Structure formats: structure tokens, C-alpha cells
Amino acid sequence: MDELARDLNFSTKTLYNYLNFLRTKDLIYNHSNNLVFRSIRPFLGRIKTVIYLDDSFTLFDVSCVLYAKILEQKGRRIAFKESVKRAGVGDGCKRGFGENLFRPSLSFRTIAKLLNISKNKAFRVIENLNRLGIIKTIKQKPQMIKDNVPGLMFYIEDLPGYRFEIGNRLFEVFGCKHDFLQYPVYLKNITLKQYLENID
């Protein structure tokens, strides 16, 4: 365990804490003085995914790569909903591989909630994923939605986006858009059957 802790670049006590956590999740067990990792296939069901890891990656880098797969899955669900929405108004996707690229909009608050981490850590995760070249984050510019706002306004918190006042003008800004560089997210052409199954 001392040798393994040195290879992973943290203390033996920290290693035991991680191992105990994995035991509580039933992901590892002891067998004849050996540490055995259980397959995660039953936990994932039929979901298959590929991740690329570099020898220079730290433990935090690996965590970020795994977080990115969760964000990518969320992005694909958003893209599917957008595809259904566009099919409903007759605005189908253009034919061609590169024309249907979709950049899902995810705020740091949404990312923190999705990954069950703090907003500060969500910011660090996204910053690190950009550094590793796994995603590219694009900030959206605020847009003015009303001029000459009389006094304080009451905002509906359930609506997407963040609204704020500067002077007597009301602005709205949405979460950052994210390009998934390794596995890009695309809009799809929706069949009539898919549309009827997914309309609200």
C-alpha cells in the first residue's frame, strides 16, 4: 500500500480513505489477501463509453475526464430535446456531418448540481477540461431585454438564464456554451415516431 500510495502521489492514509470509500460503494473487495476491483458494467447498464487518459494526468485530471463524460451525456440529452423542438416547428437539421454541431449551454450552477459538487469546484473542473483540450468553453454575452426598468423587478427564478440590472436596464445572460472536442455533440434528424413519443 505504501508503494501504491507513492505511485499515486498521496499519503498511505489518504489511499486507505479512498479504498474504504470504494468498499462502501461495493466496488472493491478483498480475496485471499488481494484487492479485487468489481466490474462497473452492472452499474452502467448498457452504456458504453471511451475515455482517453495520458500518463501525465493527475488524479484530479482523471476525475475531470470522468466528469466530462457526465456533462457530455447531459449535452446529448439537451441536443435531442432541441432536435425534437426544431422538428416541431418544421426547422429540421441540415444534411451533412459538420453542419449539425451543437454546443449545449450549461451554467456553473447547473454543472455543480449535475456533478454533485460545489460551484467553485465546478469552475475548476471546467477550467481544467479546457486546459486538457477536452472541451472548449464559450461565454455568452448578456443581452438587454428591457430598457427603462421602473425600480426593482421581480424575476421568475424557474426560467433559464440569469437576469440582472445595470442602471435602469434589464439584462439576461445564459450559461456558457461548451464544445466537446473529443466527442462532439450533434443535432439529429428526428423521425415522426420519435417526435410523437417526445412531445410534451
C-alpha atoms as a PDB file:
ATOM      1  CA  MET A   1       0.000   0.000   0.000  1.00  0.00           C
ATOM      2  CA  ASP A   2       2.912   2.355   0.706  1.00  0.00           C
ATOM      3  CA  GLU A   3       4.297   1.729  -2.784  1.00  0.00           C
ATOM      4  CA  LEU A   4       0.877   2.246  -4.396  1.00  0.00           C
ATOM      5  CA  ALA A   5       0.373   5.495  -2.437  1.00  0.00           C
ATOM      6  CA  ARG A   6       3.770   6.762  -3.639  1.00  0.00           C
ATOM      7  CA  ASP A   7       2.885   5.917  -7.260  1.00  0.00           C
ATOM      8  CA  LEU A   8      -0.407   7.803  -6.931  1.00  0.00           C
ATOM      9  CA  ASN A   9       1.359  10.708  -5.195  1.00  0.00           C
ATOM     10  CA  PHE A  10      -0.612  10.844  -1.956  1.00  0.00           C
ATOM     11  CA  SER A  11      -0.230   9.519   1.599  1.00  0.00           C
ATOM     12  CA  THR A  12      -0.961   5.937   2.678  1.00  0.00           C
ATOM     13  CA  LYS A  13      -3.702   7.222   4.990  1.00  0.00           C
ATOM     14  CA  THR A  14      -5.405   9.001   2.067  1.00  0.00           C
ATOM     15  CA  LEU A  15      -5.148   5.808  -0.003  1.00  0.00           C
ATOM     16  CA  TYR A  16      -6.906   3.830   2.749  1.00  0.00           C
ATOM     17  CA  ASN A  17      -9.627   6.501   2.911  1.00  0.00           C
ATOM     18  CA  TYR A  18     -10.235   6.120  -0.832  1.00  0.00           C
ATOM     19  CA  LEU A  19     -10.251   2.327  -0.568  1.00  0.00           C
ATOM     20  CA  ASN A  20     -12.736   2.419   2.314  1.00  0.00           C
ATOM     21  CA  PHE A  21     -14.976   4.690   0.256  1.00  0.00           C
ATOM     22  CA  LEU A  22     -14.800   2.251  -2.692  1.00  0.00           C
ATOM     23  CA  ARG A  23     -15.693  -0.596  -0.305  1.00  0.00           C
ATOM     24  CA  THR A  24     -18.805   1.268   0.870  1.00  0.00           C
ATOM     25  CA  LYS A  25     -19.868   1.511  -2.808  1.00  0.00           C
ATOM     26  CA  ASP A  26     -19.173  -2.235  -3.237  1.00  0.00           C
ATOM     27  CA  LEU A  27     -16.638  -1.511  -5.994  1.00  0.00           C
ATOM     28  CA  ILE A  28     -13.719  -3.393  -4.394  1.00  0.00           C
ATOM     29  CA  TYR A  29     -13.341  -6.385  -2.074  1.00  0.00           C
ATOM     30  CA  ASN A  30     -10.563  -8.487  -0.523  1.00  0.00           C
ATOM     31  CA  HIS A  31      -9.925 -12.000  -1.784  1.00  0.00           C
ATOM     32  CA  SER A  32      -7.008 -14.142  -0.487  1.00  0.00           C
ATOM     33  CA  ASN A  33      -5.001 -11.089   0.598  1.00  0.00           C
ATOM     34  CA  ASN A  34      -5.597  -9.482  -2.793  1.00  0.00           C
ATOM     35  CA  LEU A  35      -7.505  -6.323  -3.571  1.00  0.00           C
ATOM     36  CA  VAL A  36     -10.079  -7.030  -6.301  1.00  0.00           C
ATOM     37  CA  PHE A  37     -11.954  -4.389  -8.288  1.00  0.00           C
ATOM     38  CA  ARG A  38     -15.504  -5.245  -9.279  1.00  0.00           C
ATOM     39  CA  SER A  39     -16.643  -4.596 -12.825  1.00  0.00           C
ATOM     40  CA  ILE A  40     -18.591  -1.346 -13.181  1.00  0.00           C
ATOM     41  CA  ARG A  41     -20.592  -2.823 -16.059  1.00  0.00           C
ATOM     42  CA  PRO A  42     -23.629  -3.671 -13.862  1.00  0.00           C
ATOM     43  CA  PHE A  43     -23.682  -0.061 -12.622  1.00  0.00           C
ATOM     44  CA  LEU A  44     -23.593   1.375 -16.129  1.00  0.00           C
ATOM     45  CA  GLY A  45     -26.131  -0.988 -17.635  1.00  0.00           C
ATOM     46  CA  ARG A  46     -25.763  -0.963 -21.402  1.00  0.00           C
ATOM     47  CA  ILE A  47     -23.962   2.384 -21.533  1.00  0.00           C
ATOM     48  CA  LYS A  48     -20.524   2.099 -23.128  1.00  0.00           C
ATOM     49  CA  THR A  49     -18.029   4.903 -23.222  1.00  0.00           C
ATOM     50  CA  VAL A  50     -14.394   5.501 -24.153  1.00  0.00           C
ATOM     51  CA  ILE A  51     -12.098   7.885 -22.335  1.00  0.00           C
ATOM     52  CA  TYR A  52      -8.552   8.856 -23.220  1.00  0.00           C
ATOM     53  CA  LEU A  53      -6.029   9.155 -20.393  1.00  0.00           C
ATOM     54  CA  ASP A  54      -2.463  10.402 -20.529  1.00  0.00           C
ATOM     55  CA  ASP A  55       0.385   9.150 -18.335  1.00  0.00           C
ATOM     56  CA  SER A  56       0.930  12.709 -17.136  1.00  0.00           C
ATOM     57  CA  PHE A  57      -2.662  13.038 -15.828  1.00  0.00           C
ATOM     58  CA  THR A  58      -3.067  13.707 -12.119  1.00  0.00           C
ATOM     59  CA  LEU A  59      -5.873  12.207 -10.049  1.00  0.00           C
ATOM     60  CA  PHE A  60      -7.791  15.478 -10.455  1.00  0.00           C
ATOM     61  CA  ASP A  61      -7.324  15.290 -14.252  1.00  0.00           C
ATOM     62  CA  VAL A  62      -8.802  11.776 -14.313  1.00  0.00           C
ATOM     63  CA  SER A  63     -11.732  12.960 -12.164  1.00  0.00           C
ATOM     64  CA  CYS A  64     -12.332  15.821 -14.595  1.00  0.00           C
ATOM     65  CA  VAL A  65     -12.315  13.444 -17.589  1.00  0.00           C
ATOM     66  CA  LEU A  66     -14.984  11.316 -15.888  1.00  0.00           C
ATOM     67  CA  TYR A  67     -16.989  14.444 -15.058  1.00  0.00           C
ATOM     68  CA  ALA A  68     -16.747  15.419 -18.736  1.00  0.00           C
ATOM     69  CA  LYS A  69     -18.487  12.184 -19.767  1.00  0.00           C
ATOM     70  CA  ILE A  70     -21.426  13.053 -17.478  1.00  0.00           C
ATOM     71  CA  LEU A  71     -21.578  16.563 -18.981  1.00  0.00           C
ATOM     72  CA  GLU A  72     -21.352  15.105 -22.494  1.00  0.00           C
ATOM     73  CA  GLN A  73     -24.267  12.766 -21.751  1.00  0.00           C
ATOM     74  CA  LYS A  74     -26.291  15.759 -20.487  1.00  0.00           C
ATOM     75  CA  GLY A  75     -25.325  17.689 -23.618  1.00  0.00           C
ATOM     76  CA  ARG A  76     -26.603  14.871 -25.838  1.00  0.00           C
ATOM     77  CA  ARG A  77     -29.944  14.870 -23.988  1.00  0.00           C
ATOM     78  CA  ILE A  78     -30.228  18.657 -24.479  1.00  0.00           C
ATOM     79  CA  ALA A  79     -29.347  18.240 -28.172  1.00  0.00           C
ATOM     80  CA  PHE A  80     -32.045  15.589 -28.591  1.00  0.00           C
ATOM     81  CA  LYS A  81     -34.670  17.869 -26.990  1.00  0.00           C
ATOM     82  CA  GLU A  82     -33.559  20.708 -29.262  1.00  0.00           C
ATOM     83  CA  SER A  83     -33.843  18.398 -32.280  1.00  0.00           C
ATOM     84  CA  VAL A  84     -37.410  17.462 -31.255  1.00  0.00           C
ATOM     85  CA  LYS A  85     -38.266  21.137 -30.720  1.00  0.00           C
ATOM     86  CA  ARG A  86     -36.939  22.103 -34.163  1.00  0.00           C
ATOM     87  CA  ALA A  87     -38.783  19.219 -35.799  1.00  0.00           C
ATOM     88  CA  GLY A  88     -41.993  20.527 -34.209  1.00  0.00           C
ATOM     89  CA  VAL A  89     -41.648  23.921 -35.888  1.00  0.00           C
ATOM     90  CA  GLY A  90     -40.514  22.429 -39.189  1.00  0.00           C
ATOM     91  CA  ASP A  91     -36.907  23.575 -38.791  1.00  0.00           C
ATOM     92  CA  GLY A  92     -35.118  20.265 -39.381  1.00  0.00           C
ATOM     93  CA  CYS A  93     -31.371  19.766 -39.319  1.00  0.00           C
ATOM     94  CA  LYS A  94     -29.316  20.423 -42.384  1.00  0.00           C
ATOM     95  CA  ARG A  95     -27.764  17.444 -44.075  1.00  0.00           C
ATOM     96  CA  GLY A  96     -24.038  16.975 -43.664  1.00  0.00           C
ATOM     97  CA  PHE A  97     -21.605  15.955 -40.935  1.00  0.00           C
ATOM     98  CA  GLY A  98     -20.273  19.328 -39.848  1.00  0.00           C
ATOM     99  CA  GLU A  99     -23.456  21.391 -40.166  1.00  0.00           C
ATOM    100  CA  ASN A 100     -25.360  19.941 -37.203  1.00  0.00           C
ATOM    101  CA  LEU A 101     -22.797  20.685 -34.483  1.00  0.00           C
ATOM    102  CA  PHE A 102     -24.499  21.631 -31.205  1.00  0.00           C
ATOM    103  CA  ARG A 103     -22.978  23.492 -28.281  1.00  0.00           C
ATOM    104  CA  PRO A 104     -25.075  22.836 -25.161  1.00  0.00           C
ATOM    105  CA  SER A 105     -25.480  25.748 -22.762  1.00  0.00           C
ATOM    106  CA  LEU A 106     -24.662  24.818 -19.165  1.00  0.00           C
ATOM    107  CA  SER A 107     -24.228  27.286 -16.311  1.00  0.00           C
ATOM    108  CA  PHE A 108     -21.758  26.612 -13.492  1.00  0.00           C
ATOM    109  CA  ARG A 109     -24.730  26.280 -11.138  1.00  0.00           C
ATOM    110  CA  THR A 110     -26.227  23.561 -13.379  1.00  0.00           C
ATOM    111  CA  ILE A 111     -22.860  21.795 -13.689  1.00  0.00           C
ATOM    112  CA  ALA A 112     -22.368  21.856  -9.904  1.00  0.00           C
ATOM    113  CA  LYS A 113     -25.834  20.376  -9.360  1.00  0.00           C
ATOM    114  CA  LEU A 114     -25.357  17.742 -12.069  1.00  0.00           C
ATOM    115  CA  LEU A 115     -21.960  16.601 -10.735  1.00  0.00           C
ATOM    116  CA  ASN A 116     -22.937  16.995  -7.061  1.00  0.00           C
ATOM    117  CA  ILE A 117     -20.022  19.347  -6.371  1.00  0.00           C
ATOM    118  CA  SER A 118     -19.662  22.962  -5.244  1.00  0.00           C
ATOM    119  CA  LYS A 119     -19.932  25.851  -7.714  1.00  0.00           C
ATOM    120  CA  ASN A 120     -16.293  26.709  -7.039  1.00  0.00           C
ATOM    121  CA  LYS A 121     -15.180  23.152  -7.870  1.00  0.00           C
ATOM    122  CA  ALA A 122     -17.392  23.173 -10.993  1.00  0.00           C
ATOM    123  CA  PHE A 123     -15.472  26.249 -12.175  1.00  0.00           C
ATOM    124  CA  ARG A 124     -12.139  24.469 -11.517  1.00  0.00           C
ATOM    125  CA  VAL A 125     -13.326  21.331 -13.363  1.00  0.00           C
ATOM    126  CA  ILE A 126     -14.363  23.315 -16.461  1.00  0.00           C
ATOM    127  CA  GLU A 127     -11.143  25.335 -16.368  1.00  0.00           C
ATOM    128  CA  ASN A 128      -9.110  22.107 -16.195  1.00  0.00           C
ATOM    129  CA  LEU A 129     -11.090  20.430 -19.000  1.00  0.00           C
ATOM    130  CA  ASN A 130     -10.341  23.443 -21.208  1.00  0.00           C
ATOM    131  CA  ARG A 131      -6.655  23.168 -20.304  1.00  0.00           C
ATOM    132  CA  LEU A 132      -6.636  19.456 -21.176  1.00  0.00           C
ATOM    133  CA  GLY A 133      -8.286  20.174 -24.542  1.00  0.00           C
ATOM    134  CA  ILE A 134     -11.334  18.006 -23.804  1.00  0.00           C
ATOM    135  CA  ILE A 135     -13.863  20.824 -24.052  1.00  0.00           C
ATOM    136  CA  LYS A 136     -13.834  24.431 -25.219  1.00  0.00           C
ATOM    137  CA  THR A 137     -15.972  26.846 -23.237  1.00  0.00           C
ATOM    138  CA  ILE A 138     -17.504  29.893 -24.908  1.00  0.00           C
ATOM    139  CA  LYS A 139     -19.004  32.638 -22.732  1.00  0.00           C
ATOM    140  CA  GLN A 140     -22.288  34.089 -23.935  1.00  0.00           C
ATOM    141  CA  LYS A 141     -22.737  37.852 -23.968  1.00  0.00           C
ATOM    142  CA  PRO A 142     -25.508  39.441 -21.880  1.00  0.00           C
ATOM    143  CA  GLN A 143     -28.435  40.795 -23.889  1.00  0.00           C
ATOM    144  CA  MET A 144     -30.646  43.690 -22.892  1.00  0.00           C
ATOM    145  CA  ILE A 145     -34.260  42.552 -22.641  1.00  0.00           C
ATOM    146  CA  LYS A 146     -35.843  45.759 -21.306  1.00  0.00           C
ATOM    147  CA  ASP A 147     -34.955  49.443 -21.093  1.00  0.00           C
ATOM    148  CA  ASN A 148     -36.205  51.998 -18.519  1.00  0.00           C
ATOM    149  CA  VAL A 149     -36.972  49.440 -15.825  1.00  0.00           C
ATOM    150  CA  PRO A 150     -39.015  51.237 -13.127  1.00  0.00           C
ATOM    151  CA  GLY A 151     -37.412  50.376  -9.805  1.00  0.00           C
ATOM    152  CA  LEU A 152     -36.890  46.798  -8.633  1.00  0.00           C
ATOM    153  CA  MET A 153     -38.162  43.982 -10.832  1.00  0.00           C
ATOM    154  CA  PHE A 154     -39.409  40.585  -9.683  1.00  0.00           C
ATOM    155  CA  TYR A 155     -37.715  37.816 -11.632  1.00  0.00           C
ATOM    156  CA  ILE A 156     -39.047  34.312 -12.144  1.00  0.00           C
ATOM    157  CA  GLU A 157     -36.273  32.088 -10.800  1.00  0.00           C
ATOM    158  CA  ASP A 158     -37.506  28.970 -12.617  1.00  0.00           C
ATOM    159  CA  LEU A 159     -36.787  30.493 -16.020  1.00  0.00           C
ATOM    160  CA  PRO A 160     -33.416  29.570 -17.546  1.00  0.00           C
ATOM    161  CA  GLY A 161     -30.743  32.243 -17.596  1.00  0.00           C
ATOM    162  CA  TYR A 162     -29.657  34.906 -15.122  1.00  0.00           C
ATOM    163  CA  ARG A 163     -31.215  38.374 -15.105  1.00  0.00           C
ATOM    164  CA  PHE A 164     -29.609  41.497 -13.637  1.00  0.00           C
ATOM    165  CA  GLU A 165     -29.971  45.292 -13.728  1.00  0.00           C
ATOM    166  CA  ILE A 166     -27.421  47.907 -14.742  1.00  0.00           C
ATOM    167  CA  GLY A 167     -28.741  51.393 -14.261  1.00  0.00           C
ATOM    168  CA  ASN A 168     -32.353  51.199 -15.400  1.00  0.00           C
ATOM    169  CA  ARG A 169     -31.785  48.411 -17.950  1.00  0.00           C
ATOM    170  CA  LEU A 170     -32.625  44.745 -17.503  1.00  0.00           C
ATOM    171  CA  PHE A 171     -30.138  42.233 -18.939  1.00  0.00           C
ATOM    172  CA  GLU A 172     -30.256  38.463 -19.362  1.00  0.00           C
ATOM    173  CA  VAL A 173     -27.328  36.068 -19.786  1.00  0.00           C
ATOM    174  CA  PHE A 174     -27.321  32.307 -20.231  1.00  0.00           C
ATOM    175  CA  GLY A 175     -24.740  29.728 -19.176  1.00  0.00           C
ATOM    176  CA  CYS A 176     -21.564  29.117 -21.135  1.00  0.00           C
ATOM    177  CA  LYS A 177     -21.712  27.075 -24.317  1.00  0.00           C
ATOM    178  CA  HIS A 178     -19.433  24.039 -24.435  1.00  0.00           C
ATOM    179  CA  ASP A 179     -17.772  22.364 -27.403  1.00  0.00           C
ATOM    180  CA  PHE A 180     -16.992  18.708 -26.652  1.00  0.00           C
ATOM    181  CA  LEU A 181     -13.805  18.375 -28.676  1.00  0.00           C
ATOM    182  CA  GLN A 182     -13.176  14.619 -28.365  1.00  0.00           C
ATOM    183  CA  TYR A 183     -16.767  13.527 -28.946  1.00  0.00           C
ATOM    184  CA  PRO A 184     -18.724  16.431 -30.492  1.00  0.00           C
ATOM    185  CA  VAL A 185     -22.475  16.709 -29.877  1.00  0.00           C
ATOM    186  CA  TYR A 186     -24.663  16.928 -32.984  1.00  0.00           C
ATOM    187  CA  LEU A 187     -28.295  17.683 -33.647  1.00  0.00           C
ATOM    188  CA  LYS A 188     -30.143  14.806 -35.292  1.00  0.00           C
ATOM    189  CA  ASN A 189     -32.922  14.479 -37.808  1.00  0.00           C
ATOM    190  CA  ILE A 190     -35.977  13.342 -35.846  1.00  0.00           C
ATOM    191  CA  THR A 191     -38.401  10.795 -37.234  1.00  0.00           C
ATOM    192  CA  LEU A 192     -42.145  11.313 -36.875  1.00  0.00           C
ATOM    193  CA  LYS A 193     -42.285   8.422 -34.395  1.00  0.00           C
ATOM    194  CA  GLN A 194     -39.552   9.980 -32.215  1.00  0.00           C
ATOM    195  CA  TYR A 195     -41.283  13.348 -32.368  1.00  0.00           C
ATOM    196  CA  LEU A 196     -44.671  11.940 -31.293  1.00  0.00           C
ATOM    197  CA  GLU A 197     -43.039   9.967 -28.449  1.00  0.00           C
ATOM    198  CA  ASN A 198     -41.193  13.000 -27.056  1.00  0.00           C
ATOM    199  CA  ILE A 199     -43.537  15.970 -27.430  1.00  0.00           C
ATOM    200  CA  ASP A 200     -44.840  17.380 -24.153  1.00  0.00           C
END
